Amino acid sequence: MIGTAQTNESNDLCYLDPKVMHAMSRDTSNAVRARQPPPQDVILFVIGGGNYVEYQNLVDYGKSKNLQRVTYGCTELVNPRQFTDQ
């Protein structure tokens, strides 16, 4: 979902840009997204268990996409055994 390619998943998301002052419709949001450069900051928050391996995979993915900052959070930090037991 990072980048300019349109997919079924990305079409369901709303593109929020603090530089755009007025509320946008979905069609306008897609048009604005097509003109915008790819994001440089990504925030991922997981409701439930998260772990360091997920975070590290996200950081590696961010480096491959030239992201400046990757922020990861979760409601519960678990070890690998607890994660697979969920």
PDB file of N, CA and C in Angstrom:
ATOM      1  N   MET A   1       0.813  -1.185   0.000  1.00  0.00           N
ATOM      2  CA  MET A   1       0.000   0.000   0.000  1.00  0.00           C
ATOM      3  C   MET A   1       0.860   1.254   0.000  1.00  0.00           C
ATOM      4  N   ILE A   2       2.157   1.059   0.148  1.00  0.00           N
ATOM      5  CA  ILE A   2       3.058   2.196   0.082  1.00  0.00           C
ATOM      6  C   ILE A   2       3.474   2.359  -1.369  1.00  0.00           C
ATOM      7  N   GLY A   3       3.388   3.559  -1.873  1.00  0.00           N
ATOM      8  CA  GLY A   3       3.719   3.822  -3.259  1.00  0.00           C
ATOM      9  C   GLY A   3       2.511   4.371  -3.988  1.00  0.00           C
ATOM     10  N   THR A   4       2.622   4.448  -5.294  1.00  0.00           N
ATOM     11  CA  THR A   4       1.554   5.072  -6.070  1.00  0.00           C
ATOM     12  C   THR A   4       0.655   4.070  -6.773  1.00  0.00           C
ATOM     13  N   ALA A   5       0.955   2.778  -6.716  1.00  0.00           N
ATOM     14  CA  ALA A   5       0.128   1.785  -7.390  1.00  0.00           C
ATOM     15  C   ALA A   5      -1.233   1.670  -6.709  1.00  0.00           C
ATOM     16  N   GLN A   6      -2.289   1.640  -7.505  1.00  0.00           N
ATOM     17  CA  GLN A   6      -3.642   1.505  -6.982  1.00  0.00           C
ATOM     18  C   GLN A   6      -3.978   0.020  -6.871  1.00  0.00           C
ATOM     19  N   THR A   7      -4.406  -0.428  -5.704  1.00  0.00           N
ATOM     20  CA  THR A   7      -4.846  -1.798  -5.491  1.00  0.00           C
ATOM     21  C   THR A   7      -6.215  -1.759  -4.848  1.00  0.00           C
ATOM     22  N   ASN A   8      -6.869  -2.923  -4.785  1.00  0.00           N
ATOM     23  CA  ASN A   8      -8.177  -2.975  -4.127  1.00  0.00           C
ATOM     24  C   ASN A   8      -8.080  -2.538  -2.675  1.00  0.00           C
ATOM     25  N   GLU A   9      -7.008  -2.958  -1.982  1.00  0.00           N
ATOM     26  CA  GLU A   9      -6.849  -2.575  -0.582  1.00  0.00           C
ATOM     27  C   GLU A   9      -6.628  -1.077  -0.434  1.00  0.00           C
ATOM     28  N   SER A  10      -5.794  -0.499  -1.281  1.00  0.00           N
ATOM     29  CA  SER A  10      -5.496   0.926  -1.143  1.00  0.00           C
ATOM     30  C   SER A  10      -6.675   1.793  -1.545  1.00  0.00           C
ATOM     31  N   ASN A  11      -7.551   1.301  -2.415  1.00  0.00           N
ATOM     32  CA  ASN A  11      -8.728   2.077  -2.798  1.00  0.00           C
ATOM     33  C   ASN A  11      -9.705   2.223  -1.643  1.00  0.00           C
ATOM     34  N   ASP A  12      -9.660   1.304  -0.668  1.00  0.00           N
ATOM     35  CA  ASP A  12     -10.551   1.374   0.489  1.00  0.00           C
ATOM     36  C   ASP A  12     -10.027   2.298   1.577  1.00  0.00           C
ATOM     37  N   LEU A  13      -8.792   2.765   1.445  1.00  0.00           N
ATOM     38  CA  LEU A  13      -8.189   3.619   2.458  1.00  0.00           C
ATOM     39  C   LEU A  13      -8.363   5.084   2.095  1.00  0.00           C
ATOM     40  N   CYS A  14      -8.360   5.911   3.099  1.00  0.00           N
ATOM     41  CA  CYS A  14      -8.450   7.352   2.894  1.00  0.00           C
ATOM     42  C   CYS A  14      -7.043   7.928   3.002  1.00  0.00           C
ATOM     43  N   TYR A  15      -6.686   8.790   2.075  1.00  0.00           N
ATOM     44  CA  TYR A  15      -5.376   9.438   2.089  1.00  0.00           C
ATOM     45  C   TYR A  15      -5.512  10.737   2.861  1.00  0.00           C
ATOM     46  N   LEU A  16      -4.820  10.847   3.973  1.00  0.00           N
ATOM     47  CA  LEU A  16      -4.905  12.034   4.812  1.00  0.00           C
ATOM     48  C   LEU A  16      -3.625  12.840   4.673  1.00  0.00           C
ATOM     49  N   ASP A  17      -3.768  14.085   4.258  1.00  0.00           N
ATOM     50  CA  ASP A  17      -2.625  14.971   4.093  1.00  0.00           C
ATOM     51  C   ASP A  17      -2.914  16.252   4.862  1.00  0.00           C
ATOM     52  N   PRO A  18      -2.104  16.584   5.868  1.00  0.00           N
ATOM     53  CA  PRO A  18      -2.379  17.786   6.655  1.00  0.00           C
ATOM     54  C   PRO A  18      -2.301  19.070   5.839  1.00  0.00           C
ATOM     55  N   LYS A  19      -1.697  19.014   4.651  1.00  0.00           N
ATOM     56  CA  LYS A  19      -1.608  20.204   3.811  1.00  0.00           C
ATOM     57  C   LYS A  19      -2.924  20.505   3.099  1.00  0.00           C
ATOM     58  N   VAL A  20      -3.790  19.507   3.014  1.00  0.00           N
ATOM     59  CA  VAL A  20      -5.085  19.688   2.363  1.00  0.00           C
ATOM     60  C   VAL A  20      -6.078  20.104   3.440  1.00  0.00           C
ATOM     61  N   MET A  21      -6.684  21.272   3.277  1.00  0.00           N
ATOM     62  CA  MET A  21      -7.470  21.849   4.366  1.00  0.00           C
ATOM     63  C   MET A  21      -8.919  21.384   4.398  1.00  0.00           C
ATOM     64  N   HIS A  22      -9.513  21.012   3.285  1.00  0.00           N
ATOM     65  CA  HIS A  22     -10.933  20.712   3.251  1.00  0.00           C
ATOM     66  C   HIS A  22     -11.163  19.208   3.222  1.00  0.00           C
ATOM     67  N   ALA A  23     -12.309  18.795   3.754  1.00  0.00           N
ATOM     68  CA  ALA A  23     -12.663  17.378   3.716  1.00  0.00           C
ATOM     69  C   ALA A  23     -12.790  16.941   2.258  1.00  0.00           C
ATOM     70  N   MET A  24     -12.345  15.724   1.994  1.00  0.00           N
ATOM     71  CA  MET A  24     -12.339  15.246   0.620  1.00  0.00           C
ATOM     72  C   MET A  24     -13.242  14.034   0.477  1.00  0.00           C
ATOM     73  N   SER A  25     -13.807  13.880  -0.699  1.00  0.00           N
ATOM     74  CA  SER A  25     -14.536  12.663  -1.016  1.00  0.00           C
ATOM     75  C   SER A  25     -13.515  11.583  -1.359  1.00  0.00           C
ATOM     76  N   ARG A  26     -13.968  10.351  -1.483  1.00  0.00           N
ATOM     77  CA  ARG A  26     -13.059   9.249  -1.825  1.00  0.00           C
ATOM     78  C   ARG A  26     -12.429   9.481  -3.197  1.00  0.00           C
ATOM     79  N   ASP A  27     -13.219   9.963  -4.177  1.00  0.00           N
ATOM     80  CA  ASP A  27     -12.675  10.210  -5.516  1.00  0.00           C
ATOM     81  C   ASP A  27     -11.599  11.287  -5.474  1.00  0.00           C
ATOM     82  N   THR A  28     -11.848  12.355  -4.727  1.00  0.00           N
ATOM     83  CA  THR A  28     -10.859  13.421  -4.597  1.00  0.00           C
ATOM     84  C   THR A  28      -9.626  12.904  -3.878  1.00  0.00           C
ATOM     85  N   SER A  29      -9.835  12.076  -2.854  1.00  0.00           N
ATOM     86  CA  SER A  29      -8.718  11.502  -2.109  1.00  0.00           C
ATOM     87  C   SER A  29      -7.832  10.674  -3.030  1.00  0.00           C
ATOM     88  N   ASN A  30      -8.434   9.861  -3.909  1.00  0.00           N
ATOM     89  CA  ASN A  30      -7.650   9.054  -4.845  1.00  0.00           C
ATOM     90  C   ASN A  30      -6.893   9.933  -5.831  1.00  0.00           C
ATOM     91  N   ALA A  31      -7.505  11.022  -6.287  1.00  0.00           N
ATOM     92  CA  ALA A  31      -6.834  11.932  -7.216  1.00  0.00           C
ATOM     93  C   ALA A  31      -5.647  12.609  -6.541  1.00  0.00           C
ATOM     94  N   VAL A  32      -5.819  13.026  -5.291  1.00  0.00           N
ATOM     95  CA  VAL A  32      -4.723  13.657  -4.553  1.00  0.00           C
ATOM     96  C   VAL A  32      -3.609  12.646  -4.321  1.00  0.00           C
ATOM     97  N   ARG A  33      -3.962  11.412  -3.961  1.00  0.00           N
ATOM     98  CA  ARG A  33      -2.965  10.377  -3.705  1.00  0.00           C
ATOM     99  C   ARG A  33      -2.122  10.114  -4.943  1.00  0.00           C
ATOM    100  N   ALA A  34      -2.750  10.143  -6.125  1.00  0.00           N
ATOM    101  CA  ALA A  34      -2.023   9.877  -7.368  1.00  0.00           C
ATOM    102  C   ALA A  34      -0.984  10.958  -7.647  1.00  0.00           C
ATOM    103  N   ARG A  35      -1.212  12.193  -7.181  1.00  0.00           N
ATOM    104  CA  ARG A  35      -0.273  13.295  -7.417  1.00  0.00           C
ATOM    105  C   ARG A  35       0.801  13.400  -6.347  1.00  0.00           C
ATOM    106  N   GLN A  36       0.598  12.786  -5.208  1.00  0.00           N
ATOM    107  CA  GLN A  36       1.515  12.934  -4.086  1.00  0.00           C
ATOM    108  C   GLN A  36       2.720  12.007  -4.232  1.00  0.00           C
ATOM    109  N   PRO A  37       3.870  12.442  -3.742  1.00  0.00           N
ATOM    110  CA  PRO A  37       5.020  11.536  -3.706  1.00  0.00           C
ATOM    111  C   PRO A  37       4.759  10.443  -2.669  1.00  0.00           C
ATOM    112  N   PRO A  38       5.455   9.324  -2.765  1.00  0.00           N
ATOM    113  CA  PRO A  38       5.267   8.263  -1.774  1.00  0.00           C
ATOM    114  C   PRO A  38       5.566   8.782  -0.370  1.00  0.00           C
ATOM    115  N   PRO A  39       4.927   8.220   0.649  1.00  0.00           N
ATOM    116  CA  PRO A  39       5.154   8.689   2.019  1.00  0.00           C
ATOM    117  C   PRO A  39       6.580   8.402   2.477  1.00  0.00           C
ATOM    118  N   GLN A  40       7.065   9.228   3.386  1.00  0.00           N
ATOM    119  CA  GLN A  40       8.388   9.023   3.966  1.00  0.00           C
ATOM    120  C   GLN A  40       8.304   8.513   5.398  1.00  0.00           C
ATOM    121  N   ASP A  41       7.140   8.645   6.006  1.00  0.00           N
ATOM    122  CA  ASP A  41       6.930   8.197   7.382  1.00  0.00           C
ATOM    123  C   ASP A  41       5.766   7.216   7.404  1.00  0.00           C
ATOM    124  N   VAL A  42       5.948   6.113   8.129  1.00  0.00           N
ATOM    125  CA  VAL A  42       4.883   5.127   8.268  1.00  0.00           C
ATOM    126  C   VAL A  42       4.699   4.828   9.745  1.00  0.00           C
ATOM    127  N   ILE A  43       3.441   4.808  10.173  1.00  0.00           N
ATOM    128  CA  ILE A  43       3.098   4.432  11.545  1.00  0.00           C
ATOM    129  C   ILE A  43       2.222   3.194  11.458  1.00  0.00           C
ATOM    130  N   LEU A  44       2.616   2.132  12.136  1.00  0.00           N
ATOM    131  CA  LEU A  44       1.841   0.899  12.173  1.00  0.00           C
ATOM    132  C   LEU A  44       1.553   0.580  13.625  1.00  0.00           C
ATOM    133  N   PHE A  45       0.270   0.455  13.959  1.00  0.00           N
ATOM    134  CA  PHE A  45      -0.108   0.100  15.323  1.00  0.00           C
ATOM    135  C   PHE A  45      -0.961  -1.150  15.263  1.00  0.00           C
ATOM    136  N   VAL A  46      -0.579  -2.163  16.032  1.00  0.00           N
ATOM    137  CA  VAL A  46      -1.269  -3.443  16.057  1.00  0.00           C
ATOM    138  C   VAL A  46      -2.110  -3.528  17.322  1.00  0.00           C
ATOM    139  N   ILE A  47      -3.386  -3.837  17.144  1.00  0.00           N
ATOM    140  CA  ILE A  47      -4.243  -4.106  18.296  1.00  0.00           C
ATOM    141  C   ILE A  47      -4.046  -5.577  18.620  1.00  0.00           C
ATOM    142  N   GLY A  48      -3.402  -5.848  19.738  1.00  0.00           N
ATOM    143  CA  GLY A  48      -3.078  -7.218  20.111  1.00  0.00           C
ATOM    144  C   GLY A  48      -1.571  -7.381  20.227  1.00  0.00           C
ATOM    145  N   GLY A  49      -1.156  -8.630  20.112  1.00  0.00           N
ATOM    146  CA  GLY A  49       0.248  -8.950  20.323  1.00  0.00           C
ATOM    147  C   GLY A  49       1.144  -8.540  19.170  1.00  0.00           C
ATOM    148  N   GLY A  50       2.244  -7.936  19.507  1.00  0.00           N
ATOM    149  CA  GLY A  50       3.284  -7.587  18.551  1.00  0.00           C
ATOM    150  C   GLY A  50       4.612  -8.070  19.102  1.00  0.00           C
ATOM    151  N   ASN A  51       5.631  -8.113  18.259  1.00  0.00           N
ATOM    152  CA  ASN A  51       6.933  -8.558  18.748  1.00  0.00           C
ATOM    153  C   ASN A  51       8.058  -7.894  17.973  1.00  0.00           C
ATOM    154  N   TYR A  52       9.268  -8.126  18.438  1.00  0.00           N
ATOM    155  CA  TYR A  52      10.438  -7.490  17.848  1.00  0.00           C
ATOM    156  C   TYR A  52      10.666  -7.944  16.408  1.00  0.00           C
ATOM    157  N   VAL A  53      10.368  -9.208  16.103  1.00  0.00           N
ATOM    158  CA  VAL A  53      10.579  -9.716  14.746  1.00  0.00           C
ATOM    159  C   VAL A  53       9.685  -8.968  13.759  1.00  0.00           C
ATOM    160  N   GLU A  54       8.433  -8.725  14.135  1.00  0.00           N
ATOM    161  CA  GLU A  54       7.541  -7.934  13.284  1.00  0.00           C
ATOM    162  C   GLU A  54       8.116  -6.542  13.065  1.00  0.00           C
ATOM    163  N   TYR A  55       8.579  -5.942  14.139  1.00  0.00           N
ATOM    164  CA  TYR A  55       9.168  -4.606  14.048  1.00  0.00           C
ATOM    165  C   TYR A  55      10.378  -4.610  13.118  1.00  0.00           C
ATOM    166  N   GLN A  56      11.258  -5.580  13.282  1.00  0.00           N
ATOM    167  CA  GLN A  56      12.467  -5.635  12.457  1.00  0.00           C
ATOM    168  C   GLN A  56      12.118  -5.846  10.987  1.00  0.00           C
ATOM    169  N   ASN A  57      11.128  -6.697  10.709  1.00  0.00           N
ATOM    170  CA  ASN A  57      10.688  -6.892   9.322  1.00  0.00           C
ATOM    171  C   ASN A  57      10.142  -5.598   8.740  1.00  0.00           C
ATOM    172  N   LEU A  58       9.414  -4.841   9.541  1.00  0.00           N
ATOM    173  CA  LEU A  58       8.871  -3.567   9.089  1.00  0.00           C
ATOM    174  C   LEU A  58       9.992  -2.565   8.803  1.00  0.00           C
ATOM    175  N   VAL A  59      10.995  -2.525   9.661  1.00  0.00           N
ATOM    176  CA  VAL A  59      12.143  -1.631   9.450  1.00  0.00           C
ATOM    177  C   VAL A  59      12.888  -2.021   8.172  1.00  0.00           C
ATOM    178  N   ASP A  60      13.106  -3.316   7.964  1.00  0.00           N
ATOM    179  CA  ASP A  60      13.786  -3.773   6.745  1.00  0.00           C
ATOM    180  C   ASP A  60      12.980  -3.404   5.504  1.00  0.00           C
ATOM    181  N   TYR A  61      11.671  -3.574   5.573  1.00  0.00           N
ATOM    182  CA  TYR A  61      10.808  -3.200   4.454  1.00  0.00           C
ATOM    183  C   TYR A  61      10.895  -1.695   4.209  1.00  0.00           C
ATOM    184  N   GLY A  62      10.892  -0.922   5.287  1.00  0.00           N
ATOM    185  CA  GLY A  62      11.000   0.529   5.156  1.00  0.00           C
ATOM    186  C   GLY A  62      12.290   0.953   4.487  1.00  0.00           C
ATOM    187  N   LYS A  63      13.381   0.288   4.823  1.00  0.00           N
ATOM    188  CA  LYS A  63      14.666   0.601   4.181  1.00  0.00           C
ATOM    189  C   LYS A  63      14.618   0.287   2.693  1.00  0.00           C
ATOM    190  N   SER A  64      13.951  -0.807   2.331  1.00  0.00           N
ATOM    191  CA  SER A  64      13.866  -1.168   0.909  1.00  0.00           C
ATOM    192  C   SER A  64      13.002  -0.184   0.126  1.00  0.00           C
ATOM    193  N   LYS A  65      12.109   0.529   0.816  1.00  0.00           N
ATOM    194  CA  LYS A  65      11.234   1.513   0.166  1.00  0.00           C
ATOM    195  C   LYS A  65      11.706   2.947   0.398  1.00  0.00           C
ATOM    196  N   ASN A  66      12.899   3.117   0.972  1.00  0.00           N
ATOM    197  CA  ASN A  66      13.484   4.440   1.236  1.00  0.00           C
ATOM    198  C   ASN A  66      12.619   5.303   2.149  1.00  0.00           C
ATOM    199  N   LEU A  67      12.043   4.700   3.171  1.00  0.00           N
ATOM    200  CA  LEU A  67      11.257   5.456   4.143  1.00  0.00           C
ATOM    201  C   LEU A  67      12.189   6.106   5.155  1.00  0.00           C
ATOM    202  N   GLN A  68      11.859   7.310   5.577  1.00  0.00           N
ATOM    203  CA  GLN A  68      12.668   8.027   6.557  1.00  0.00           C
ATOM    204  C   GLN A  68      12.480   7.453   7.962  1.00  0.00           C
ATOM    205  N   ARG A  69      11.214   7.273   8.353  1.00  0.00           N
ATOM    206  CA  ARG A  69      10.920   6.817   9.713  1.00  0.00           C
ATOM    207  C   ARG A  69       9.833   5.750   9.683  1.00  0.00           C
ATOM    208  N   VAL A  70      10.011   4.733  10.514  1.00  0.00           N
ATOM    209  CA  VAL A  70       9.009   3.699  10.704  1.00  0.00           C
ATOM    210  C   VAL A  70       8.727   3.631  12.197  1.00  0.00           C
ATOM    211  N   THR A  71       7.464   3.820  12.558  1.00  0.00           N
ATOM    212  CA  THR A  71       7.061   3.757  13.961  1.00  0.00           C
ATOM    213  C   THR A  71       6.135   2.563  14.132  1.00  0.00           C
ATOM    214  N   TYR A  72       6.427   1.718  15.116  1.00  0.00           N
ATOM    215  CA  TYR A  72       5.654   0.500  15.345  1.00  0.00           C
ATOM    216  C   TYR A  72       5.176   0.501  16.786  1.00  0.00           C
ATOM    217  N   GLY A  73       3.930   0.149  16.984  1.00  0.00           N
ATOM    218  CA  GLY A  73       3.389   0.045  18.333  1.00  0.00           C
ATOM    219  C   GLY A  73       2.407  -1.102  18.409  1.00  0.00           C
ATOM    220  N   CYS A  74       2.150  -1.566  19.615  1.00  0.00           N
ATOM    221  CA  CYS A  74       1.180  -2.643  19.813  1.00  0.00           C
ATOM    222  C   CYS A  74       0.617  -2.526  21.224  1.00  0.00           C
ATOM    223  N   THR A  75      -0.532  -3.148  21.436  1.00  0.00           N
ATOM    224  CA  THR A  75      -1.139  -3.085  22.763  1.00  0.00           C
ATOM    225  C   THR A  75      -0.491  -4.071  23.725  1.00  0.00           C
ATOM    226  N   GLU A  76       0.196  -5.082  23.186  1.00  0.00           N
ATOM    227  CA  GLU A  76       0.850  -6.072  24.035  1.00  0.00           C
ATOM    228  C   GLU A  76       2.116  -6.557  23.338  1.00  0.00           C
ATOM    229  N   LEU A  77       3.241  -6.462  24.014  1.00  0.00           N
ATOM    230  CA  LEU A  77       4.508  -6.941  23.472  1.00  0.00           C
ATOM    231  C   LEU A  77       4.724  -8.361  23.981  1.00  0.00           C
ATOM    232  N   VAL A  78       4.824  -9.324  23.058  1.00  0.00           N
ATOM    233  CA  VAL A  78       4.899 -10.732  23.454  1.00  0.00           C
ATOM    234  C   VAL A  78       6.162 -11.373  22.894  1.00  0.00           C
ATOM    235  N   ASN A  79       6.555 -12.485  23.521  1.00  0.00           N
ATOM    236  CA  ASN A  79       7.690 -13.249  22.997  1.00  0.00           C
ATOM    237  C   ASN A  79       7.184 -14.178  21.884  1.00  0.00           C
ATOM    238  N   PRO A  80       8.097 -14.821  21.137  1.00  0.00           N
ATOM    239  CA  PRO A  80       7.662 -15.643  20.000  1.00  0.00           C
ATOM    240  C   PRO A  80       6.672 -16.752  20.370  1.00  0.00           C
ATOM    241  N   ARG A  81       6.863 -17.403  21.502  1.00  0.00           N
ATOM    242  CA  ARG A  81       5.943 -18.481  21.894  1.00  0.00           C
ATOM    243  C   ARG A  81       4.549 -17.920  22.167  1.00  0.00           C
ATOM    244  N   GLN A  82       4.477 -16.818  22.904  1.00  0.00           N
ATOM    245  CA  GLN A  82       3.177 -16.198  23.170  1.00  0.00           C
ATOM    246  C   GLN A  82       2.519 -15.747  21.867  1.00  0.00           C
ATOM    247  N   PHE A  83       3.326 -15.255  20.944  1.00  0.00           N
ATOM    248  CA  PHE A  83       2.798 -14.777  19.666  1.00  0.00           C
ATOM    249  C   PHE A  83       2.161 -15.918  18.876  1.00  0.00           C
ATOM    250  N   THR A  84       2.854 -17.063  18.791  1.00  0.00           N
ATOM    251  CA  THR A  84       2.307 -18.195  18.032  1.00  0.00           C
ATOM    252  C   THR A  84       1.134 -18.843  18.752  1.00  0.00           C
ATOM    253  N   ASP A  85       1.069 -18.723  20.072  1.00  0.00           N
ATOM    254  CA  ASP A  85      -0.070 -19.275  20.819  1.00  0.00           C
ATOM    255  C   ASP A  85      -1.348 -18.479  20.595  1.00  0.00           C
ATOM    256  N   GLN A  86      -1.215 -17.237  20.175  1.00  0.00           N
ATOM    257  CA  GLN A  86      -2.408 -16.420  19.941  1.00  0.00           C
ATOM    258  C   GLN A  86      -3.089 -16.948  18.753  1.00  0.00           C
TER     259      GLN A  86
END
